[in-house]
Amino acid sequence: MLKRSVVQFVLIFYAVIVIYPLFWVVSSSLRQTADINEHPWALPALPRWENYAKAWQGDQTSGDAGLAVAFVNSAVVTTVSLGLILLFGSMAAYVLARYVFAGSSLVYNVFLFGMMFPVFLGIIPLYLMLNGMGTGLESIHASLLGSVGGSWALVGSLHGLIIVYVAYSLSFTIFVLTGFFKTLPGELAEAGAIDGCSHWEIFWKIMLPLAKPGLITAGIFNAIGLWNEYPLALVLTQENTRTLPIAIADLAQKQHYQTDQGALFAGIVIVIVPTLIGYVFFQRRITAGLTAGAVKG
């Protein structure tokens, strides 16, 4: 009884210190700056929902676009990047897990090394490489069609940021999915081959559906990482292509001088709510996905 009571007390205390800051941020997002400074721990007497409108729409008179454009940019970048990451990562992981060929271990270790490479060391080379690739694409298009036409720049564009996100996230995704594909029984692939399925059909129709827990796990962790990614987006985006982490940092800097803390907290809530909702709906799948590949059946 004493041991159980101590464990319950520790868990309750941990829950309080985790939940209360979130509750305080939401409460502060509905208050005025003067109320927050005077009574920081009090509840809002009269909720000010206009703080969310101010954070979302910004102040058009001062040229502040708010979080609306950045929210759409983050949604597009996260969705497209996640789809490409799971597509390419699952195909590469399946080959590395189920086929033995010369250099397969080397390829797998190279991907693992990518997980240890710090992002900050690659920012400047990435910027220079993307800038050169964009210039090269414009030159090729101009030489073939006689005019540049369209937007071929990779620096400051969403498609350039998507390419970088996919490249950086493949290492983790391949590492996770390789373990899942190794636990799948090889007899299923052999049965599919006997029935006349090609390697491509075995992967798409048999193995990939069985790796659903791994795909969900890798997808959730990648989605959270992409949604909150800051350093690469800071360097590789411009004003009209900035993502939510950059926008919330700009909002914090502006509200620091305008002393509108209610709008700042409202912006923070807008950023964390999608991640929180996703975790609430997929928490069981996260747990199941993390343990599904732990034991080989």
Protein backbone atom coordinates (compact mmCIF):
# COMPACT_ATOMS: atom_id res chain seq x y z
CA MET A 1 0.00 0.00 0.00
CA LEU A 2 2.77 2.42 0.89
CA LYS A 3 4.67 1.65 -2.32
CA ARG A 4 1.52 2.07 -4.41
CA SER A 5 0.70 5.37 -2.68
CA VAL A 6 4.20 6.73 -3.34
CA VAL A 7 4.01 5.73 -7.01
CA GLN A 8 0.59 7.33 -7.40
CA PHE A 9 1.78 10.52 -5.70
CA VAL A 10 4.80 10.75 -8.01
CA LEU A 11 2.64 10.19 -11.09
CA ILE A 12 0.08 12.78 -9.97
CA PHE A 13 2.83 15.29 -9.23
CA TYR A 14 4.40 14.65 -12.65
CA ALA A 15 1.02 15.06 -14.35
CA VAL A 16 0.48 18.39 -12.59
CA ILE A 17 3.86 19.84 -13.57
CA VAL A 18 3.24 18.76 -17.19
CA ILE A 19 -0.41 19.80 -17.57
CA TYR A 20 -0.42 23.03 -15.59
CA PRO A 21 2.01 24.94 -17.89
CA LEU A 22 -0.24 24.07 -20.85
CA PHE A 23 -3.28 25.22 -18.92
CA TRP A 24 -1.51 28.45 -17.93
CA VAL A 25 -0.57 29.21 -21.55
CA VAL A 26 -4.18 28.69 -22.70
CA SER A 27 -5.47 30.81 -19.84
CA SER A 28 -2.98 33.61 -20.56
CA SER A 29 -3.95 33.58 -24.25
CA LEU A 30 -7.40 34.85 -23.21
CA ARG A 31 -6.16 37.75 -21.09
CA GLN A 32 -4.78 41.25 -21.52
CA THR A 33 -1.14 42.06 -20.98
CA ALA A 34 -1.89 44.21 -17.93
CA ASP A 35 -3.85 41.39 -16.30
CA ILE A 36 -1.05 38.90 -16.97
CA ASN A 37 1.57 41.20 -15.44
CA GLU A 38 -0.54 42.12 -12.43
CA HIS A 39 -2.06 38.70 -11.68
CA PRO A 40 -0.02 36.11 -13.60
CA TRP A 41 -1.68 33.07 -12.00
CA ALA A 42 -5.29 34.26 -12.13
CA LEU A 43 -7.96 33.00 -14.52
CA PRO A 44 -9.30 35.30 -17.25
CA ALA A 45 -12.23 37.32 -15.90
CA LEU A 46 -13.49 38.04 -19.43
CA PRO A 47 -12.02 35.83 -22.18
CA ARG A 48 -10.50 37.89 -25.00
CA TRP A 49 -10.94 35.71 -28.08
CA GLU A 50 -9.72 38.57 -30.24
CA ASN A 51 -6.19 37.61 -29.19
CA TYR A 52 -6.47 34.56 -31.44
CA ALA A 53 -7.75 36.68 -34.31
CA LYS A 54 -4.85 39.08 -33.84
CA ALA A 55 -2.29 36.25 -33.79
CA TRP A 56 -3.91 34.48 -36.77
CA GLN A 57 -4.56 37.49 -39.03
CA GLY A 58 -1.83 39.83 -37.80
CA ASP A 59 -1.87 43.57 -38.14
CA GLN A 60 -2.30 44.43 -41.80
CA THR A 61 -1.54 48.11 -41.20
CA SER A 62 1.96 47.27 -39.98
CA GLY A 63 2.56 44.61 -42.61
CA ASP A 64 2.27 41.71 -40.17
CA ALA A 65 0.67 38.76 -41.98
CA GLY A 66 0.06 36.78 -38.80
CA LEU A 67 0.19 33.01 -38.54
CA ALA A 68 -2.36 32.12 -41.22
CA VAL A 69 0.07 31.93 -44.15
CA ALA A 70 2.71 30.20 -42.03
CA PHE A 71 0.16 27.63 -40.85
CA VAL A 72 -0.73 26.73 -44.44
CA ASN A 73 2.96 26.56 -45.38
CA SER A 74 3.71 24.24 -42.46
CA ALA A 75 0.72 22.05 -43.32
CA VAL A 76 1.82 21.74 -46.96
CA VAL A 77 5.47 21.10 -46.16
CA THR A 78 4.71 18.57 -43.43
CA THR A 79 2.12 16.66 -45.48
CA VAL A 80 4.11 16.43 -48.71
CA SER A 81 7.40 15.72 -46.94
CA LEU A 82 5.83 13.03 -44.77
CA GLY A 83 4.31 11.27 -47.79
CA LEU A 84 7.63 11.23 -49.64
CA ILE A 85 9.57 10.18 -46.52
CA LEU A 86 7.33 7.18 -45.86
CA LEU A 87 7.30 6.21 -49.55
CA PHE A 88 11.05 6.29 -50.12
CA GLY A 89 11.92 5.20 -46.58
CA SER A 90 9.69 2.12 -46.70
CA MET A 91 11.06 1.02 -50.07
CA ALA A 92 14.67 1.45 -48.98
CA ALA A 93 14.07 -0.20 -45.62
CA TYR A 94 12.36 -3.19 -47.25
CA VAL A 95 15.26 -3.80 -49.61
CA LEU A 96 17.85 -3.45 -46.83
CA ALA A 97 15.89 -5.75 -44.52
CA ARG A 98 14.85 -8.53 -46.93
CA TYR A 99 17.60 -8.67 -49.56
CA VAL A 100 21.30 -9.38 -49.14
CA PHE A 101 23.57 -7.87 -51.77
CA ALA A 102 27.11 -6.57 -52.01
CA GLY A 103 27.37 -3.35 -50.03
CA SER A 104 23.99 -3.64 -48.29
CA SER A 105 25.56 -3.29 -44.85
CA LEU A 106 27.56 -0.28 -46.03
CA VAL A 107 24.44 1.42 -47.39
CA TYR A 108 22.58 0.78 -44.14
CA ASN A 109 25.49 2.15 -42.06
CA VAL A 110 25.65 5.25 -44.25
CA PHE A 111 22.01 5.93 -43.47
CA LEU A 112 22.68 5.39 -39.77
CA PHE A 113 25.55 7.87 -39.95
CA GLY A 114 23.09 10.43 -41.26
CA MET A 115 21.27 10.28 -37.91
CA MET A 116 24.46 11.41 -36.13
CA PHE A 117 25.23 14.31 -38.47
CA PRO A 118 24.26 17.63 -36.79
CA VAL A 119 21.88 19.83 -38.73
CA PHE A 120 23.87 22.96 -37.97
CA LEU A 121 26.95 21.64 -39.76
CA GLY A 122 24.99 21.19 -42.97
CA ILE A 123 23.05 24.46 -43.11
CA ILE A 124 25.62 26.51 -45.05
CA PRO A 125 26.52 23.72 -47.53
CA LEU A 126 22.81 23.04 -48.05
CA TYR A 127 22.12 26.70 -48.75
CA LEU A 128 24.96 26.92 -51.27
CA MET A 129 23.98 23.62 -52.91
CA LEU A 130 20.29 24.51 -53.24
CA ASN A 131 21.14 27.96 -54.55
CA GLY A 132 23.44 26.44 -57.17
CA MET A 133 20.87 23.79 -58.13
CA GLY A 134 18.18 26.44 -58.60
CA THR A 135 20.47 28.52 -60.79
CA GLY A 136 21.39 25.43 -62.79
CA LEU A 137 17.73 24.49 -63.34
CA GLU A 138 16.97 28.01 -64.57
CA SER A 139 19.92 27.85 -67.00
CA ILE A 140 18.85 24.45 -68.35
CA HIS A 141 15.26 25.61 -68.81
CA ALA A 142 16.41 28.79 -70.54
CA SER A 143 18.72 26.89 -72.90
CA LEU A 144 16.00 24.41 -73.85
CA LEU A 145 13.01 26.73 -74.17
CA GLY A 146 14.67 30.08 -74.67
CA SER A 147 13.25 31.62 -71.48
CA VAL A 148 13.45 31.03 -67.76
CA GLY A 149 9.74 30.91 -66.95
CA GLY A 150 8.31 29.66 -63.69
CA SER A 151 10.01 29.54 -60.33
CA TRP A 152 13.07 27.30 -60.29
CA ALA A 153 14.67 28.72 -57.15
CA LEU A 154 15.11 26.19 -54.36
CA VAL A 155 16.24 28.63 -51.69
CA GLY A 156 13.26 30.50 -50.31
CA SER A 157 10.72 28.05 -51.77
CA LEU A 158 8.58 25.36 -50.21
CA HIS A 159 9.68 22.68 -52.67
CA GLY A 160 13.32 23.32 -51.80
CA LEU A 161 12.53 22.96 -48.09
CA ILE A 162 10.60 19.74 -48.80
CA ILE A 163 13.61 18.23 -50.59
CA VAL A 164 15.83 19.00 -47.60
CA TYR A 165 13.31 17.64 -45.10
CA VAL A 166 12.95 14.39 -47.02
CA ALA A 167 16.72 13.92 -47.24
CA TYR A 168 17.26 14.63 -43.55
CA SER A 169 14.43 12.39 -42.33
CA LEU A 170 15.19 9.31 -44.39
CA SER A 171 17.90 8.06 -42.01
CA PHE A 172 15.58 7.82 -39.01
CA THR A 173 12.73 6.40 -41.07
CA ILE A 174 14.89 3.69 -42.65
CA PHE A 175 16.33 2.80 -39.24
CA VAL A 176 12.85 2.33 -37.75
CA LEU A 177 11.25 0.54 -40.68
CA THR A 178 14.16 -1.83 -41.30
CA GLY A 179 13.57 -3.36 -37.87
CA PHE A 180 9.89 -3.85 -38.63
CA PHE A 181 10.48 -5.47 -42.01
CA LYS A 182 13.01 -7.87 -40.45
CA THR A 183 10.36 -9.16 -38.04
CA LEU A 184 7.90 -10.04 -40.81
CA PRO A 185 7.84 -13.74 -41.70
CA GLY A 186 9.64 -14.49 -44.94
CA GLU A 187 7.21 -17.31 -45.68
CA LEU A 188 4.61 -14.73 -46.71
CA ALA A 189 6.91 -13.33 -49.38
CA GLU A 190 7.71 -16.84 -50.58
CA ALA A 191 4.00 -17.67 -50.79
CA GLY A 192 3.40 -14.51 -52.81
CA ALA A 193 6.24 -15.43 -55.18
CA ILE A 194 4.76 -18.92 -55.67
CA ASP A 195 1.41 -17.31 -56.53
CA GLY A 196 3.12 -15.33 -59.27
CA CYS A 197 3.60 -11.97 -57.54
CA SER A 198 6.53 -9.84 -58.61
CA HIS A 199 8.91 -8.25 -56.09
CA TRP A 200 6.99 -5.01 -56.48
CA GLU A 201 3.64 -6.68 -55.81
CA ILE A 202 5.02 -8.58 -52.79
CA PHE A 203 6.14 -5.28 -51.30
CA TRP A 204 2.95 -3.30 -51.98
CA LYS A 205 0.32 -5.98 -51.39
CA ILE A 206 1.87 -8.12 -48.67
CA MET A 207 4.79 -6.59 -46.77
CA LEU A 208 3.85 -2.92 -46.67
CA PRO A 209 0.37 -3.51 -45.14
CA LEU A 210 1.95 -5.74 -42.48
CA ALA A 211 4.40 -2.95 -41.59
CA LYS A 212 1.55 -0.55 -40.80
CA PRO A 213 2.53 -0.18 -37.09
CA GLY A 214 6.03 0.83 -38.12
CA LEU A 215 4.74 3.26 -40.72
CA ILE A 216 2.46 4.88 -38.16
CA THR A 217 5.27 5.19 -35.62
CA ALA A 218 7.72 6.66 -38.11
CA GLY A 219 5.02 8.93 -39.52
CA ILE A 220 4.04 10.37 -36.15
CA PHE A 221 7.60 11.11 -35.04
CA ASN A 222 8.49 12.58 -38.42
CA ALA A 223 5.34 14.71 -38.48
CA ILE A 224 6.09 16.16 -35.04
CA GLY A 225 9.69 16.85 -36.02
CA LEU A 226 8.77 18.48 -39.33
CA TRP A 227 6.01 20.58 -37.77
CA ASN A 228 8.39 22.01 -35.15
CA GLU A 229 11.58 22.20 -37.24
CA TYR A 230 13.29 25.61 -36.94
CA PRO A 231 16.97 25.91 -38.06
CA LEU A 232 16.57 24.71 -41.66
CA ALA A 233 13.35 26.65 -42.17
CA LEU A 234 15.00 29.78 -40.80
CA VAL A 235 17.79 29.66 -43.40
CA LEU A 236 15.96 28.19 -46.41
CA THR A 237 12.69 30.16 -46.39
CA GLN A 238 11.68 33.76 -47.04
CA GLU A 239 8.90 36.00 -45.76
CA ASN A 240 6.13 34.45 -47.87
CA THR A 241 7.30 30.85 -47.37
CA ARG A 242 8.08 30.89 -43.66
CA THR A 243 6.70 28.07 -41.52
CA LEU A 244 5.02 28.19 -38.11
CA PRO A 245 8.17 27.95 -35.94
CA ILE A 246 9.65 30.94 -37.78
CA ALA A 247 6.38 32.84 -37.62
CA ILE A 248 5.97 32.28 -33.89
CA ALA A 249 9.55 33.43 -33.29
CA ASP A 250 8.83 36.59 -35.30
CA LEU A 251 5.60 37.06 -33.36
CA ALA A 252 7.46 36.74 -30.06
CA GLN A 253 9.97 39.37 -31.15
CA LYS A 254 7.27 41.79 -32.30
CA GLN A 255 5.07 41.29 -29.24
CA HIS A 256 8.11 41.84 -27.04
CA TYR A 257 8.17 45.46 -28.17
CA GLN A 258 4.42 45.87 -28.55
CA THR A 259 3.81 44.26 -25.13
CA ASP A 260 0.83 42.25 -26.35
CA GLN A 261 1.44 39.05 -24.44
CA GLY A 262 -2.11 37.78 -24.93
CA ALA A 263 -1.61 37.56 -28.70
CA LEU A 264 1.76 35.90 -28.17
CA PHE A 265 0.28 33.17 -25.98
CA ALA A 266 -2.56 32.74 -28.48
CA GLY A 267 0.01 32.15 -31.20
CA ILE A 268 1.74 29.55 -29.04
CA VAL A 269 -1.57 27.73 -28.55
CA ILE A 270 -2.18 27.73 -32.32
CA VAL A 271 1.21 26.08 -32.84
CA ILE A 272 0.92 23.37 -30.18
CA VAL A 273 -2.74 22.38 -30.65
CA PRO A 274 -2.26 20.33 -33.88
CA THR A 275 0.60 18.36 -32.32
CA LEU A 276 -1.36 17.81 -29.12
CA ILE A 277 -4.46 16.63 -30.98
CA GLY A 278 -2.40 14.26 -33.08
CA TYR A 279 -0.79 12.76 -30.01
CA VAL A 280 -4.14 12.31 -28.23
CA PHE A 281 -5.61 10.42 -31.18
CA PHE A 282 -2.54 8.32 -31.95
CA GLN A 283 -1.02 7.69 -28.51
CA ARG A 284 -2.05 4.03 -28.50
CA ARG A 285 -0.66 3.51 -31.98
CA ILE A 286 2.62 5.13 -30.89
CA THR A 287 2.95 2.67 -28.00
CA ALA A 288 1.94 -0.30 -30.16
CA GLY A 289 4.31 0.77 -32.92
CA LEU A 290 7.29 1.14 -30.58
CA THR A 291 6.83 -2.38 -29.17
CA ALA A 292 5.65 -4.19 -32.31
CA GLY A 293 9.14 -4.68 -33.70
CA ALA A 294 10.82 -5.36 -30.36
CA VAL A 295 10.26 -9.15 -30.36
CA LYS A 296 10.62 -11.33 -33.40
CA GLY A 297 7.79 -13.79 -33.79
